[in-house]
C-alpha atoms as a PDB file:
ATOM      1  CA  MET A   1      39.605 -48.508 -48.333  1.00  0.00           C
ATOM      2  CA  ALA A   2      37.032 -51.076 -46.794  1.00  0.00           C
ATOM      3  CA  GLY A   3      35.977 -48.461 -43.810  1.00  0.00           C
ATOM      4  CA  GLY A   4      36.081 -45.409 -45.891  1.00  0.00           C
ATOM      5  CA  GLY A   5      33.336 -47.473 -48.167  1.00  0.00           C
ATOM      6  CA  LEU A   6      31.368 -48.881 -44.855  1.00  0.00           C
ATOM      7  CA  ALA A   7      31.319 -44.867 -43.663  1.00  0.00           C
ATOM      8  CA  GLY A   8      29.440 -43.966 -47.331  1.00  0.00           C
ATOM      9  CA  ALA A   9      27.082 -47.299 -47.275  1.00  0.00           C
ATOM     10  CA  LEU A  10      26.456 -45.810 -43.600  1.00  0.00           C
ATOM     11  CA  GLU A  11      25.659 -42.152 -44.623  1.00  0.00           C
ATOM     12  CA  LEU A  12      23.075 -43.371 -47.631  1.00  0.00           C
ATOM     13  CA  ALA A  13      21.407 -45.672 -45.108  1.00  0.00           C
ATOM     14  CA  VAL A  14      20.600 -42.286 -42.755  1.00  0.00           C
ATOM     15  CA  VAL A  15      19.741 -40.653 -45.768  1.00  0.00           C
ATOM     16  CA  PHE A  16      17.530 -42.708 -47.553  1.00  0.00           C
ATOM     17  CA  LEU A  17      15.853 -44.413 -44.980  1.00  0.00           C
ATOM     18  CA  VAL A  18      16.471 -42.992 -41.032  1.00  0.00           C
ATOM     19  CA  ARG A  19      15.596 -38.624 -41.926  1.00  0.00           C
ATOM     20  CA  PRO A  20      12.979 -39.663 -43.994  1.00  0.00           C
ATOM     21  CA  LEU A  21      11.456 -42.065 -40.899  1.00  0.00           C
ATOM     22  CA  LEU A  22      11.662 -39.147 -38.773  1.00  0.00           C
ATOM     23  CA  ALA A  23      10.516 -36.694 -41.058  1.00  0.00           C
ATOM     24  CA  VAL A  24       6.889 -38.559 -41.235  1.00  0.00           C
ATOM     25  CA  ILE A  25       7.183 -39.198 -37.714  1.00  0.00           C
ATOM     26  CA  PHE A  26       6.764 -36.213 -37.111  1.00  0.00           C
ATOM     27  CA  VAL A  27       4.219 -34.786 -39.628  1.00  0.00           C
ATOM     28  CA  PHE A  28       2.447 -38.032 -38.049  1.00  0.00           C
ATOM     29  CA  THR A  29       3.030 -36.544 -34.279  1.00  0.00           C
ATOM     30  CA  LEU A  30       2.183 -33.371 -35.456  1.00  0.00           C
ATOM     31  CA  ILE A  31      -1.448 -34.119 -37.179  1.00  0.00           C
ATOM     32  CA  LEU A  32      -2.069 -36.151 -34.027  1.00  0.00           C
ATOM     33  CA  LEU A  33      -0.936 -33.561 -30.986  1.00  0.00           C
ATOM     34  CA  SER A  34      -3.427 -30.466 -33.347  1.00  0.00           C
ATOM     35  CA  TRP A  35      -5.856 -33.416 -33.755  1.00  0.00           C
ATOM     36  CA  TYR A  36      -6.181 -33.485 -30.354  1.00  0.00           C
ATOM     37  CA  VAL A  37      -5.761 -30.169 -29.030  1.00  0.00           C
ATOM     38  CA  ALA A  38      -8.665 -29.419 -31.417  1.00  0.00           C
ATOM     39  CA  TRP A  39     -10.469 -32.291 -29.689  1.00  0.00           C
ATOM     40  CA  ARG A  40     -10.190 -30.812 -27.014  1.00  0.00           C
ATOM     41  CA  THR A  41     -11.210 -27.110 -26.733  1.00  0.00           C
ATOM     42  CA  VAL A  42     -13.619 -27.104 -30.314  1.00  0.00           C
ATOM     43  CA  LEU A  43     -14.799 -30.440 -31.111  1.00  0.00           C
ATOM     44  CA  VAL A  44     -16.250 -31.669 -27.530  1.00  0.00           C
ATOM     45  CA  HIS A  45     -18.504 -29.139 -28.381  1.00  0.00           C
ATOM     46  CA  VAL A  46     -20.531 -29.397 -31.345  1.00  0.00           C
ATOM     47  CA  SER A  47     -23.551 -31.361 -30.871  1.00  0.00           C
ATOM     48  CA  LEU A  48     -22.993 -33.618 -34.417  1.00  0.00           C
ATOM     49  CA  VAL A  49     -19.570 -34.537 -32.888  1.00  0.00           C
ATOM     50  CA  GLN A  50     -20.691 -35.761 -29.411  1.00  0.00           C
ATOM     51  CA  GLU A  51     -23.750 -37.504 -31.237  1.00  0.00           C
ATOM     52  CA  ILE A  52     -21.531 -39.438 -33.576  1.00  0.00           C
ATOM     53  CA  ALA A  53     -18.859 -39.556 -30.854  1.00  0.00           C
ATOM     54  CA  GLY A  54     -21.492 -41.008 -28.374  1.00  0.00           C
ATOM     55  CA  LEU A  55     -20.580 -38.672 -25.913  1.00  0.00           C
ATOM     56  CA  ARG A  56     -24.661 -37.325 -25.240  1.00  0.00           C
ATOM     57  CA  PRO A  57     -26.710 -40.110 -24.601  1.00  0.00           C
ATOM     58  CA  LYS A  58     -29.303 -39.697 -27.524  1.00  0.00           C
ATOM     59  CA  LYS A  59     -33.143 -38.922 -26.672  1.00  0.00           C
ATOM     60  CA  ALA A  60     -35.947 -41.089 -26.552  1.00  0.00           C
ATOM     61  CA  ALA A  61     -38.509 -40.835 -29.131  1.00  0.00           C
ATOM     62  CA  LYS A  62     -42.024 -40.705 -28.267  1.00  0.00           C
ATOM     63  CA  PRO A  63     -44.541 -42.466 -29.800  1.00  0.00           C
ATOM     64  CA  LYS A  64     -47.105 -41.238 -32.115  1.00  0.00           C
ATOM     65  CA  PRO A  65     -50.790 -40.807 -31.727  1.00  0.00           C
ATOM     66  CA  ALA A  66     -53.288 -43.568 -33.146  1.00  0.00           C
ATOM     67  CA  ASN A  67     -55.405 -40.012 -34.445  1.00  0.00           C
ATOM     68  CA  ARG A  68     -53.040 -37.700 -35.220  1.00  0.00           C
ATOM     69  CA  GLY A  69     -54.263 -36.449 -38.666  1.00  0.00           C
ATOM     70  CA  ARG A  70     -57.376 -36.104 -40.931  1.00  0.00           C
ATOM     71  CA  PHE A  71     -56.218 -38.500 -43.460  1.00  0.00           C
ATOM     72  CA  ALA A  72     -55.513 -41.637 -40.361  1.00  0.00           C
ATOM     73  CA  ARG A  73     -58.927 -40.355 -39.248  1.00  0.00           C
ATOM     74  CA  PHE A  74     -60.407 -40.741 -43.168  1.00  0.00           C
ATOM     75  CA  TYR A  75     -58.504 -43.832 -43.136  1.00  0.00           C
ATOM     76  CA  GLN A  76     -60.197 -45.256 -39.880  1.00  0.00           C
ATOM     77  CA  SER A  77     -63.818 -44.324 -40.344  1.00  0.00           C
ATOM     78  CA  GLN A  78     -63.287 -46.425 -44.150  1.00  0.00           C
ATOM     79  CA  ALA A  79     -62.124 -49.221 -41.884  1.00  0.00           C
ATOM     80  CA  GLU A  80     -64.975 -48.646 -40.107  1.00  0.00           C
ATOM     81  CA  ALA A  81     -67.236 -48.345 -42.831  1.00  0.00           C
ATOM     82  CA  ALA A  82     -65.969 -51.410 -44.484  1.00  0.00           C
ATOM     83  CA  GLN A  83     -66.404 -54.047 -41.330  1.00  0.00           C
ATOM     84  CA  ARG A  84     -70.463 -52.802 -41.653  1.00  0.00           C
END
């Protein structure tokens, strides 16, 4: 009878430990495989994803000119008037 108890315990261990673990591994494998396929086919071509992943170099920022608008000219003339 001791052998029957051991077989029952082994069967319970398989049912409650091994099978759920294999199911979780299977689900994670499917998720990772689908993510890889989506990445290789679609997501690599999306510009936002390219910027986040660092796949595309950033554009160099041009410096703004000193006198670029009427407010800059106004405040510059005020500063020159205050210096006189």
